[in-house]
Amino acid sequence: MRTMKITSLILAVLVVLAVPLLASAQQAESHIGKYTGNTGAGKQLYFRYCWGCHGFRGDGNGENGPYLNILPRNFVAATFKCRSTPTGMLPTDEDLFSAMTRGFNNSNMPSWITLTGQNRADLVAFIKTLSPRWKTDKAGDPIHVPAEPAVTLDSIKHGKELFTKLECWKCHGAEGRGDGPSASTLTDSNEQPIRPYNFAEGSHFKCGTTNHDLYKIFMTGLDGTPMPSFADVIKPEDAWDLVHYLRTLQVNHKSPELALWMGTKEGAEFVKAQKVGGTPTGSGIKQ
């Protein structure tokens, strides 16, 4: 009888201990389409490919960090620029998977498309073990992105008005070259200097290449940077107008928006006046 009681007590203790372990295991998984990420496999991949920059603990203090002009992501802080979720929210598994697949333009973070989809899903699972936020917070729900309206001159002109009204020029500059009056004062969440995006020289954004990607940047913001979310400031149709106008600032990148804008006297004169100089991040800009 006594033995049965002891056995029952041990089983009860094991159940209590197993509950948080199971919950932790569930939280550490990732789910991207047909892939289910495994933490153990992701850990091996992380210490093979990632720790040199992101650090042994994932805090961005890897041995390569001091030599990089943009510090590696601090996975412990779990503040991510590129997300489909509202500002301040954790990204979805798909967001992390896409960032890893795409890489980050104008940084030392390459595309890891050479790894298999399962490998990348495993890495996402392990990255989620590096911050306590993944245990206490849930990933946000992706924002709704409405269908893009047709590109028209009225849309572009309204976008230009919004560029001025929302004071985008203060950081990005009147011509979108990343040389606005506030540009030299900006810092990121690591207190490191950060330059606004230079539309005149860039064709790829930090978080993608499409109009859909640019729309999400407006509405979610780039957490950890001075670029805020405008979700509470502008309507979806206004955001699309701003997208269309910003495309016209990419004078070295062919787009339907630029072609339409160049058909006007104002647009043709603007493009003609642009001179090549600087980089997509704004460094080396003309003075």
C-alpha atoms as a PDB file:
ATOM      1  CA  MET A   1       0.000   0.000   0.000  1.00  0.00           C
ATOM      2  CA  ARG A   2       2.780   2.362   0.957  1.00  0.00           C
ATOM      3  CA  THR A   3       4.649   1.496  -2.240  1.00  0.00           C
ATOM      4  CA  MET A   4       1.584   2.363  -4.343  1.00  0.00           C
ATOM      5  CA  LYS A   5       1.289   5.760  -2.617  1.00  0.00           C
ATOM      6  CA  ILE A   6       4.954   6.530  -3.277  1.00  0.00           C
ATOM      7  CA  THR A   7       4.580   5.466  -6.888  1.00  0.00           C
ATOM      8  CA  SER A   8       1.500   7.659  -7.306  1.00  0.00           C
ATOM      9  CA  LEU A   9       3.337  10.601  -5.736  1.00  0.00           C
ATOM     10  CA  ILE A  10       6.308  10.177  -8.094  1.00  0.00           C
ATOM     11  CA  LEU A  11       3.995  10.020 -11.106  1.00  0.00           C
ATOM     12  CA  ALA A  12       2.211  13.170  -9.967  1.00  0.00           C
ATOM     13  CA  VAL A  13       5.526  14.999  -9.602  1.00  0.00           C
ATOM     14  CA  LEU A  14       6.642  13.858 -13.046  1.00  0.00           C
ATOM     15  CA  VAL A  15       3.399  15.112 -14.588  1.00  0.00           C
ATOM     16  CA  VAL A  16       3.815  18.513 -12.942  1.00  0.00           C
ATOM     17  CA  LEU A  17       7.391  18.747 -14.187  1.00  0.00           C
ATOM     18  CA  ALA A  18       6.480  17.569 -17.657  1.00  0.00           C
ATOM     19  CA  VAL A  19       3.828  20.233 -18.269  1.00  0.00           C
ATOM     20  CA  PRO A  20       6.200  23.225 -18.488  1.00  0.00           C
ATOM     21  CA  LEU A  21       8.707  21.140 -20.438  1.00  0.00           C
ATOM     22  CA  LEU A  22       6.076  20.221 -22.988  1.00  0.00           C
ATOM     23  CA  ALA A  23       4.888  23.822 -23.191  1.00  0.00           C
ATOM     24  CA  SER A  24       8.467  24.968 -23.728  1.00  0.00           C
ATOM     25  CA  ALA A  25       8.958  22.393 -26.461  1.00  0.00           C
ATOM     26  CA  GLN A  26       5.787  23.567 -28.180  1.00  0.00           C
ATOM     27  CA  GLN A  27       6.846  27.205 -27.986  1.00  0.00           C
ATOM     28  CA  ALA A  28      10.240  26.358 -29.427  1.00  0.00           C
ATOM     29  CA  GLU A  29       8.806  24.789 -32.548  1.00  0.00           C
ATOM     30  CA  SER A  30       8.266  26.738 -35.728  1.00  0.00           C
ATOM     31  CA  HIS A  31       5.591  26.188 -38.322  1.00  0.00           C
ATOM     32  CA  ILE A  32       6.126  27.482 -41.845  1.00  0.00           C
ATOM     33  CA  GLY A  33       3.954  25.909 -44.512  1.00  0.00           C
ATOM     34  CA  LYS A  34       4.884  22.251 -44.794  1.00  0.00           C
ATOM     35  CA  TYR A  35       7.874  22.649 -42.438  1.00  0.00           C
ATOM     36  CA  THR A  36       7.914  22.095 -38.680  1.00  0.00           C
ATOM     37  CA  GLY A  37      11.112  23.448 -37.194  1.00  0.00           C
ATOM     38  CA  ASN A  38      13.097  21.417 -34.658  1.00  0.00           C
ATOM     39  CA  THR A  39      15.037  23.214 -31.948  1.00  0.00           C
ATOM     40  CA  GLY A  40      17.785  20.614 -31.638  1.00  0.00           C
ATOM     41  CA  ALA A  41      18.573  20.658 -35.344  1.00  0.00           C
ATOM     42  CA  GLY A  42      18.340  24.443 -35.374  1.00  0.00           C
ATOM     43  CA  LYS A  43      20.854  24.706 -32.531  1.00  0.00           C
ATOM     44  CA  GLN A  44      23.448  22.772 -34.504  1.00  0.00           C
ATOM     45  CA  LEU A  45      22.894  24.992 -37.532  1.00  0.00           C
ATOM     46  CA  TYR A  46      23.072  28.160 -35.425  1.00  0.00           C
ATOM     47  CA  PHE A  47      26.457  27.247 -33.971  1.00  0.00           C
ATOM     48  CA  ARG A  48      27.716  26.359 -37.406  1.00  0.00           C
ATOM     49  CA  TYR A  49      26.563  29.423 -39.323  1.00  0.00           C
ATOM     50  CA  CYS A  50      25.231  32.183 -37.051  1.00  0.00           C
ATOM     51  CA  TRP A  51      26.991  32.545 -33.724  1.00  0.00           C
ATOM     52  CA  GLY A  52      30.054  34.327 -35.152  1.00  0.00           C
ATOM     53  CA  CYS A  53      27.934  37.440 -35.667  1.00  0.00           C
ATOM     54  CA  HIS A  54      24.903  36.962 -33.419  1.00  0.00           C
ATOM     55  CA  GLY A  55      26.873  35.624 -30.465  1.00  0.00           C
ATOM     56  CA  PHE A  56      26.953  32.471 -28.376  1.00  0.00           C
ATOM     57  CA  ARG A  57      23.855  33.606 -26.448  1.00  0.00           C
ATOM     58  CA  GLY A  58      22.197  35.286 -29.422  1.00  0.00           C
ATOM     59  CA  ASP A  59      22.728  38.763 -27.953  1.00  0.00           C
ATOM     60  CA  GLY A  60      24.444  40.163 -31.051  1.00  0.00           C
ATOM     61  CA  ASN A  61      27.890  40.123 -29.439  1.00  0.00           C
ATOM     62  CA  GLY A  62      29.580  37.629 -31.723  1.00  0.00           C
ATOM     63  CA  GLU A  63      33.292  37.856 -32.422  1.00  0.00           C
ATOM     64  CA  ASN A  64      32.599  39.402 -35.836  1.00  0.00           C
ATOM     65  CA  GLY A  65      30.363  42.130 -34.443  1.00  0.00           C
ATOM     66  CA  PRO A  66      33.009  44.818 -33.869  1.00  0.00           C
ATOM     67  CA  TYR A  67      33.979  44.665 -37.535  1.00  0.00           C
ATOM     68  CA  LEU A  68      30.458  45.203 -38.874  1.00  0.00           C
ATOM     69  CA  ASN A  69      29.081  48.659 -39.668  1.00  0.00           C
ATOM     70  CA  ILE A  70      25.571  47.503 -38.686  1.00  0.00           C
ATOM     71  CA  LEU A  71      25.454  45.468 -35.470  1.00  0.00           C
ATOM     72  CA  PRO A  72      23.997  41.942 -35.709  1.00  0.00           C
ATOM     73  CA  ARG A  73      20.443  41.366 -34.496  1.00  0.00           C
ATOM     74  CA  ASN A  74      20.072  40.836 -30.747  1.00  0.00           C
ATOM     75  CA  PHE A  75      17.791  37.815 -30.536  1.00  0.00           C
ATOM     76  CA  VAL A  76      17.583  38.108 -26.740  1.00  0.00           C
ATOM     77  CA  ALA A  77      15.933  41.532 -27.006  1.00  0.00           C
ATOM     78  CA  ALA A  78      13.650  40.084 -29.712  1.00  0.00           C
ATOM     79  CA  THR A  79      13.083  43.415 -31.437  1.00  0.00           C
ATOM     80  CA  PHE A  80      12.706  42.804 -35.156  1.00  0.00           C
ATOM     81  CA  LYS A  81      12.576  45.290 -38.024  1.00  0.00           C
ATOM     82  CA  CYS A  82      10.891  43.204 -40.691  1.00  0.00           C
ATOM     83  CA  ARG A  83       7.507  41.882 -39.652  1.00  0.00           C
ATOM     84  CA  SER A  84       3.994  41.456 -40.928  1.00  0.00           C
ATOM     85  CA  THR A  85       2.740  42.129 -37.392  1.00  0.00           C
ATOM     86  CA  PRO A  86       1.878  45.474 -35.723  1.00  0.00           C
ATOM     87  CA  THR A  87       4.638  47.548 -34.153  1.00  0.00           C
ATOM     88  CA  GLY A  88       5.857  46.212 -30.809  1.00  0.00           C
ATOM     89  CA  MET A  89       4.638  42.696 -31.544  1.00  0.00           C
ATOM     90  CA  LEU A  90       6.729  39.602 -32.120  1.00  0.00           C
ATOM     91  CA  PRO A  91       7.049  38.476 -35.745  1.00  0.00           C
ATOM     92  CA  THR A  92       5.452  35.342 -37.087  1.00  0.00           C
ATOM     93  CA  ASP A  93       7.483  32.244 -37.905  1.00  0.00           C
ATOM     94  CA  GLU A  94       6.959  33.097 -41.566  1.00  0.00           C
ATOM     95  CA  ASP A  95       8.450  36.572 -40.995  1.00  0.00           C
ATOM     96  CA  LEU A  96      11.662  35.139 -39.540  1.00  0.00           C
ATOM     97  CA  PHE A  97      11.815  32.481 -42.249  1.00  0.00           C
ATOM     98  CA  SER A  98      11.407  35.128 -44.978  1.00  0.00           C
ATOM     99  CA  ALA A  99      14.074  37.389 -43.453  1.00  0.00           C
ATOM    100  CA  MET A 100      16.511  34.497 -43.334  1.00  0.00           C
ATOM    101  CA  THR A 101      15.693  33.530 -46.905  1.00  0.00           C
ATOM    102  CA  ARG A 102      15.875  37.081 -48.259  1.00  0.00           C
ATOM    103  CA  GLY A 103      18.789  38.462 -46.254  1.00  0.00           C
ATOM    104  CA  PHE A 104      19.099  42.169 -45.510  1.00  0.00           C
ATOM    105  CA  ASN A 105      20.114  44.569 -48.223  1.00  0.00           C
ATOM    106  CA  ASN A 106      23.035  46.885 -47.355  1.00  0.00           C
ATOM    107  CA  SER A 107      24.057  44.852 -44.328  1.00  0.00           C
ATOM    108  CA  ASN A 108      26.271  41.859 -43.614  1.00  0.00           C
ATOM    109  CA  MET A 109      23.292  39.537 -43.246  1.00  0.00           C
ATOM    110  CA  PRO A 110      23.255  37.397 -46.412  1.00  0.00           C
ATOM    111  CA  SER A 111      20.464  35.372 -47.905  1.00  0.00           C
ATOM    112  CA  TRP A 112      20.447  31.812 -46.563  1.00  0.00           C
ATOM    113  CA  ILE A 113      18.529  30.456 -49.534  1.00  0.00           C
ATOM    114  CA  THR A 114      21.345  27.917 -49.897  1.00  0.00           C
ATOM    115  CA  LEU A 115      20.043  26.141 -46.795  1.00  0.00           C
ATOM    116  CA  THR A 116      17.061  23.878 -47.261  1.00  0.00           C
ATOM    117  CA  GLY A 117      13.615  25.042 -46.230  1.00  0.00           C
ATOM    118  CA  GLN A 118      13.717  22.568 -43.342  1.00  0.00           C
ATOM    119  CA  ASN A 119      17.081  23.941 -42.211  1.00  0.00           C
ATOM    120  CA  ARG A 120      15.701  27.473 -42.115  1.00  0.00           C
ATOM    121  CA  ALA A 121      12.598  26.340 -40.241  1.00  0.00           C
ATOM    122  CA  ASP A 122      14.848  24.605 -37.688  1.00  0.00           C
ATOM    123  CA  LEU A 123      16.854  27.817 -37.246  1.00  0.00           C
ATOM    124  CA  VAL A 124      13.652  29.789 -36.650  1.00  0.00           C
ATOM    125  CA  ALA A 125      12.685  27.302 -33.944  1.00  0.00           C
ATOM    126  CA  PHE A 126      16.038  27.677 -32.189  1.00  0.00           C
ATOM    127  CA  ILE A 127      16.103  31.480 -32.464  1.00  0.00           C
ATOM    128  CA  LYS A 128      12.831  31.528 -30.551  1.00  0.00           C
ATOM    129  CA  THR A 129      14.549  29.861 -27.576  1.00  0.00           C
ATOM    130  CA  LEU A 130      17.022  32.735 -27.204  1.00  0.00           C
ATOM    131  CA  SER A 131      14.594  35.289 -25.730  1.00  0.00           C
ATOM    132  CA  PRO A 132      12.158  34.977 -22.822  1.00  0.00           C
ATOM    133  CA  ARG A 133       9.701  37.050 -24.852  1.00  0.00           C
ATOM    134  CA  TRP A 134       8.749  33.955 -26.833  1.00  0.00           C
ATOM    135  CA  LYS A 135       7.632  32.314 -23.571  1.00  0.00           C
ATOM    136  CA  THR A 136       5.520  35.220 -22.331  1.00  0.00           C
ATOM    137  CA  ASP A 137       4.314  36.867 -25.552  1.00  0.00           C
ATOM    138  CA  LYS A 138       2.610  35.523 -28.622  1.00  0.00           C
ATOM    139  CA  ALA A 139       3.455  36.551 -32.147  1.00  0.00           C
ATOM    140  CA  GLY A 140       1.104  39.218 -33.435  1.00  0.00           C
ATOM    141  CA  ASP A 141      -1.455  38.606 -36.143  1.00  0.00           C
ATOM    142  CA  PRO A 142      -0.310  39.746 -39.594  1.00  0.00           C
ATOM    143  CA  ILE A 143      -1.800  43.059 -40.659  1.00  0.00           C
ATOM    144  CA  HIS A 144      -4.345  43.083 -43.445  1.00  0.00           C
ATOM    145  CA  VAL A 145      -2.904  44.354 -46.716  1.00  0.00           C
ATOM    146  CA  PRO A 146      -5.703  45.439 -49.052  1.00  0.00           C
ATOM    147  CA  ALA A 147      -5.445  44.983 -52.789  1.00  0.00           C
ATOM    148  CA  GLU A 148      -3.230  47.578 -54.428  1.00  0.00           C
ATOM    149  CA  PRO A 149      -5.194  50.138 -56.459  1.00  0.00           C
ATOM    150  CA  ALA A 150      -4.187  51.069 -59.981  1.00  0.00           C
ATOM    151  CA  VAL A 151      -1.233  53.402 -60.391  1.00  0.00           C
ATOM    152  CA  THR A 152      -2.442  56.805 -61.570  1.00  0.00           C
ATOM    153  CA  LEU A 153      -1.027  60.325 -61.726  1.00  0.00           C
ATOM    154  CA  ASP A 154      -3.528  61.382 -59.072  1.00  0.00           C
ATOM    155  CA  SER A 155      -2.251  58.614 -56.789  1.00  0.00           C
ATOM    156  CA  ILE A 156       1.363  59.686 -57.297  1.00  0.00           C
ATOM    157  CA  LYS A 157       0.564  63.372 -56.762  1.00  0.00           C
ATOM    158  CA  HIS A 158      -1.381  62.621 -53.590  1.00  0.00           C
ATOM    159  CA  GLY A 159       1.513  60.478 -52.380  1.00  0.00           C
ATOM    160  CA  LYS A 160       3.829  63.419 -52.937  1.00  0.00           C
ATOM    161  CA  GLU A 161       1.559  65.604 -50.811  1.00  0.00           C
ATOM    162  CA  LEU A 162       1.601  62.981 -48.050  1.00  0.00           C
ATOM    163  CA  PHE A 163       5.410  62.787 -48.221  1.00  0.00           C
ATOM    164  CA  THR A 164       5.465  66.470 -47.278  1.00  0.00           C
ATOM    165  CA  LYS A 165       2.546  66.390 -44.840  1.00  0.00           C
ATOM    166  CA  LEU A 166       3.886  63.436 -42.862  1.00  0.00           C
ATOM    167  CA  GLU A 167       7.346  65.060 -42.843  1.00  0.00           C
ATOM    168  CA  CYS A 168       9.030  62.078 -44.446  1.00  0.00           C
ATOM    169  CA  TRP A 169      11.468  64.553 -45.972  1.00  0.00           C
ATOM    170  CA  LYS A 170      12.928  65.397 -42.573  1.00  0.00           C
ATOM    171  CA  CYS A 171      14.747  62.061 -42.569  1.00  0.00           C
ATOM    172  CA  HIS A 172      14.674  60.902 -46.180  1.00  0.00           C
ATOM    173  CA  GLY A 173      15.281  64.324 -47.750  1.00  0.00           C
ATOM    174  CA  ALA A 174      13.222  66.235 -50.292  1.00  0.00           C
ATOM    175  CA  GLU A 175      14.558  64.056 -53.122  1.00  0.00           C
ATOM    176  CA  GLY A 176      14.492  60.845 -51.097  1.00  0.00           C
ATOM    177  CA  ARG A 177      18.277  60.624 -50.859  1.00  0.00           C
ATOM    178  CA  GLY A 178      18.423  59.974 -47.120  1.00  0.00           C
ATOM    179  CA  ASP A 179      19.872  63.444 -46.533  1.00  0.00           C
ATOM    180  CA  GLY A 180      17.075  65.174 -44.621  1.00  0.00           C
ATOM    181  CA  PRO A 181      17.865  67.658 -41.822  1.00  0.00           C
ATOM    182  CA  SER A 182      17.324  64.975 -39.156  1.00  0.00           C
ATOM    183  CA  ALA A 183      19.333  62.261 -40.926  1.00  0.00           C
ATOM    184  CA  SER A 184      22.626  62.870 -39.132  1.00  0.00           C
ATOM    185  CA  THR A 185      20.989  62.730 -35.675  1.00  0.00           C
ATOM    186  CA  LEU A 186      19.265  59.351 -35.947  1.00  0.00           C
ATOM    187  CA  THR A 187      20.239  56.311 -33.886  1.00  0.00           C
ATOM    188  CA  ASP A 188      18.833  52.800 -33.550  1.00  0.00           C
ATOM    189  CA  SER A 189      17.902  50.806 -30.442  1.00  0.00           C
ATOM    190  CA  ASN A 190      21.598  49.954 -29.976  1.00  0.00           C
ATOM    191  CA  GLU A 191      22.378  53.689 -29.874  1.00  0.00           C
ATOM    192  CA  GLN A 192      24.273  53.287 -33.110  1.00  0.00           C
ATOM    193  CA  PRO A 193      24.027  55.897 -35.905  1.00  0.00           C
ATOM    194  CA  ILE A 194      21.588  54.874 -38.595  1.00  0.00           C
ATOM    195  CA  ARG A 195      20.956  56.478 -41.954  1.00  0.00           C
ATOM    196  CA  PRO A 196      17.517  56.803 -43.550  1.00  0.00           C
ATOM    197  CA  TYR A 197      16.865  54.846 -46.712  1.00  0.00           C
ATOM    198  CA  ASN A 198      18.144  56.474 -49.905  1.00  0.00           C
ATOM    199  CA  PHE A 199      15.396  55.917 -52.477  1.00  0.00           C
ATOM    200  CA  ALA A 200      17.385  57.586 -55.255  1.00  0.00           C
ATOM    201  CA  GLU A 201      20.039  54.849 -55.276  1.00  0.00           C
ATOM    202  CA  GLY A 202      18.156  51.846 -53.966  1.00  0.00           C
ATOM    203  CA  SER A 203      16.046  49.224 -55.690  1.00  0.00           C
ATOM    204  CA  HIS A 204      15.685  46.808 -52.752  1.00  0.00           C
ATOM    205  CA  PHE A 205      14.204  47.747 -49.402  1.00  0.00           C
ATOM    206  CA  LYS A 206      15.404  46.461 -46.054  1.00  0.00           C
ATOM    207  CA  CYS A 207      12.349  44.213 -45.833  1.00  0.00           C
ATOM    208  CA  GLY A 208      11.745  43.206 -49.428  1.00  0.00           C
ATOM    209  CA  THR A 209      11.435  44.460 -52.975  1.00  0.00           C
ATOM    210  CA  THR A 210       7.738  44.742 -53.825  1.00  0.00           C
ATOM    211  CA  ASN A 211       5.071  47.409 -53.349  1.00  0.00           C
ATOM    212  CA  HIS A 212       3.408  44.989 -50.948  1.00  0.00           C
ATOM    213  CA  ASP A 213       6.603  44.937 -48.862  1.00  0.00           C
ATOM    214  CA  LEU A 214       6.827  48.737 -48.859  1.00  0.00           C
ATOM    215  CA  TYR A 215       3.200  49.018 -47.739  1.00  0.00           C
ATOM    216  CA  LYS A 216       3.920  46.736 -44.770  1.00  0.00           C
ATOM    217  CA  ILE A 217       6.913  48.876 -43.788  1.00  0.00           C
ATOM    218  CA  PHE A 218       4.616  51.914 -43.468  1.00  0.00           C
ATOM    219  CA  MET A 219       1.997  50.104 -41.486  1.00  0.00           C
ATOM    220  CA  THR A 220       4.197  48.051 -39.155  1.00  0.00           C
ATOM    221  CA  GLY A 221       7.224  50.316 -38.811  1.00  0.00           C
ATOM    222  CA  LEU A 222      10.779  49.068 -38.462  1.00  0.00           C
ATOM    223  CA  ASP A 223      11.039  48.308 -34.742  1.00  0.00           C
ATOM    224  CA  GLY A 224      14.408  49.193 -33.253  1.00  0.00           C
ATOM    225  CA  THR A 225      14.842  52.094 -35.692  1.00  0.00           C
ATOM    226  CA  PRO A 226      13.436  55.652 -35.904  1.00  0.00           C
ATOM    227  CA  MET A 227      11.039  54.501 -38.660  1.00  0.00           C
ATOM    228  CA  PRO A 228       7.609  54.404 -36.954  1.00  0.00           C
ATOM    229  CA  SER A 229       4.380  52.715 -37.880  1.00  0.00           C
ATOM    230  CA  PHE A 230       1.860  54.938 -39.660  1.00  0.00           C
ATOM    231  CA  ALA A 231      -1.047  52.538 -39.111  1.00  0.00           C
ATOM    232  CA  ASP A 232      -2.814  55.017 -36.818  1.00  0.00           C
ATOM    233  CA  VAL A 233      -1.963  58.030 -38.969  1.00  0.00           C
ATOM    234  CA  ILE A 234      -2.971  57.242 -42.544  1.00  0.00           C
ATOM    235  CA  LYS A 235      -5.680  55.243 -44.265  1.00  0.00           C
ATOM    236  CA  PRO A 236      -4.817  52.206 -46.400  1.00  0.00           C
ATOM    237  CA  GLU A 237      -5.552  54.073 -49.636  1.00  0.00           C
ATOM    238  CA  ASP A 238      -3.215  56.864 -48.528  1.00  0.00           C
ATOM    239  CA  ALA A 239      -0.472  54.339 -47.814  1.00  0.00           C
ATOM    240  CA  TRP A 240      -0.774  52.996 -51.352  1.00  0.00           C
ATOM    241  CA  ASP A 241      -0.524  56.532 -52.762  1.00  0.00           C
ATOM    242  CA  LEU A 242       2.660  57.023 -50.745  1.00  0.00           C
ATOM    243  CA  VAL A 243       4.025  53.735 -52.082  1.00  0.00           C
ATOM    244  CA  HIS A 244       3.398  54.894 -55.634  1.00  0.00           C
ATOM    245  CA  TYR A 245       5.120  58.225 -55.068  1.00  0.00           C
ATOM    246  CA  LEU A 246       8.169  56.710 -53.381  1.00  0.00           C
ATOM    247  CA  ARG A 247       8.687  54.480 -56.396  1.00  0.00           C
ATOM    248  CA  THR A 248       9.166  57.636 -58.492  1.00  0.00           C
ATOM    249  CA  LEU A 249      12.085  58.615 -56.252  1.00  0.00           C
ATOM    250  CA  GLN A 250      13.902  55.449 -57.313  1.00  0.00           C
ATOM    251  CA  VAL A 251      15.173  57.132 -60.458  1.00  0.00           C
ATOM    252  CA  ASN A 252      17.594  54.315 -61.297  1.00  0.00           C
ATOM    253  CA  HIS A 253      15.011  51.567 -60.932  1.00  0.00           C
ATOM    254  CA  LYS A 254      12.480  51.026 -63.711  1.00  0.00           C
ATOM    255  CA  SER A 255       8.923  50.827 -62.446  1.00  0.00           C
ATOM    256  CA  PRO A 256       5.415  51.551 -63.751  1.00  0.00           C
ATOM    257  CA  GLU A 257       5.206  54.462 -61.320  1.00  0.00           C
ATOM    258  CA  LEU A 258       8.419  56.062 -62.573  1.00  0.00           C
ATOM    259  CA  ALA A 259       7.448  55.571 -66.214  1.00  0.00           C
ATOM    260  CA  LEU A 260       4.089  57.266 -65.634  1.00  0.00           C
ATOM    261  CA  TRP A 261       5.668  60.109 -63.636  1.00  0.00           C
ATOM    262  CA  MET A 262       8.304  60.757 -66.308  1.00  0.00           C
ATOM    263  CA  GLY A 263       5.495  61.343 -68.763  1.00  0.00           C
ATOM    264  CA  THR A 264       4.750  64.616 -66.994  1.00  0.00           C
ATOM    265  CA  LYS A 265       6.851  67.755 -67.242  1.00  0.00           C
ATOM    266  CA  GLU A 266       7.422  67.843 -63.486  1.00  0.00           C
ATOM    267  CA  GLY A 267       8.467  64.203 -63.342  1.00  0.00           C
ATOM    268  CA  ALA A 268      10.770  64.403 -66.368  1.00  0.00           C
ATOM    269  CA  GLU A 269      12.547  67.467 -64.970  1.00  0.00           C
ATOM    270  CA  PHE A 270      12.944  65.835 -61.559  1.00  0.00           C
ATOM    271  CA  VAL A 271      14.491  62.650 -62.944  1.00  0.00           C
ATOM    272  CA  LYS A 272      16.768  64.584 -65.289  1.00  0.00           C
ATOM    273  CA  ALA A 273      18.094  66.647 -62.386  1.00  0.00           C
ATOM    274  CA  GLN A 274      19.100  63.626 -60.336  1.00  0.00           C
ATOM    275  CA  LYS A 275      22.763  62.698 -60.200  1.00  0.00           C
ATOM    276  CA  VAL A 276      24.227  59.375 -59.180  1.00  0.00           C
ATOM    277  CA  GLY A 277      25.771  59.579 -55.728  1.00  0.00           C
ATOM    278  CA  GLY A 278      25.753  57.739 -52.464  1.00  0.00           C
ATOM    279  CA  THR A 279      24.430  54.344 -51.481  1.00  0.00           C
ATOM    280  CA  PRO A 280      20.954  53.018 -50.639  1.00  0.00           C
ATOM    281  CA  THR A 281      21.603  53.680 -46.943  1.00  0.00           C
ATOM    282  CA  GLY A 282      22.472  57.310 -47.532  1.00  0.00           C
ATOM    283  CA  SER A 283      26.227  57.239 -46.881  1.00  0.00           C
ATOM    284  CA  GLY A 284      28.330  59.236 -49.285  1.00  0.00           C
ATOM    285  CA  ILE A 285      25.358  61.378 -50.266  1.00  0.00           C
ATOM    286  CA  LYS A 286      25.883  64.536 -52.255  1.00  0.00           C
ATOM    287  CA  GLN A 287      26.147  67.666 -50.160  1.00  0.00           C
END
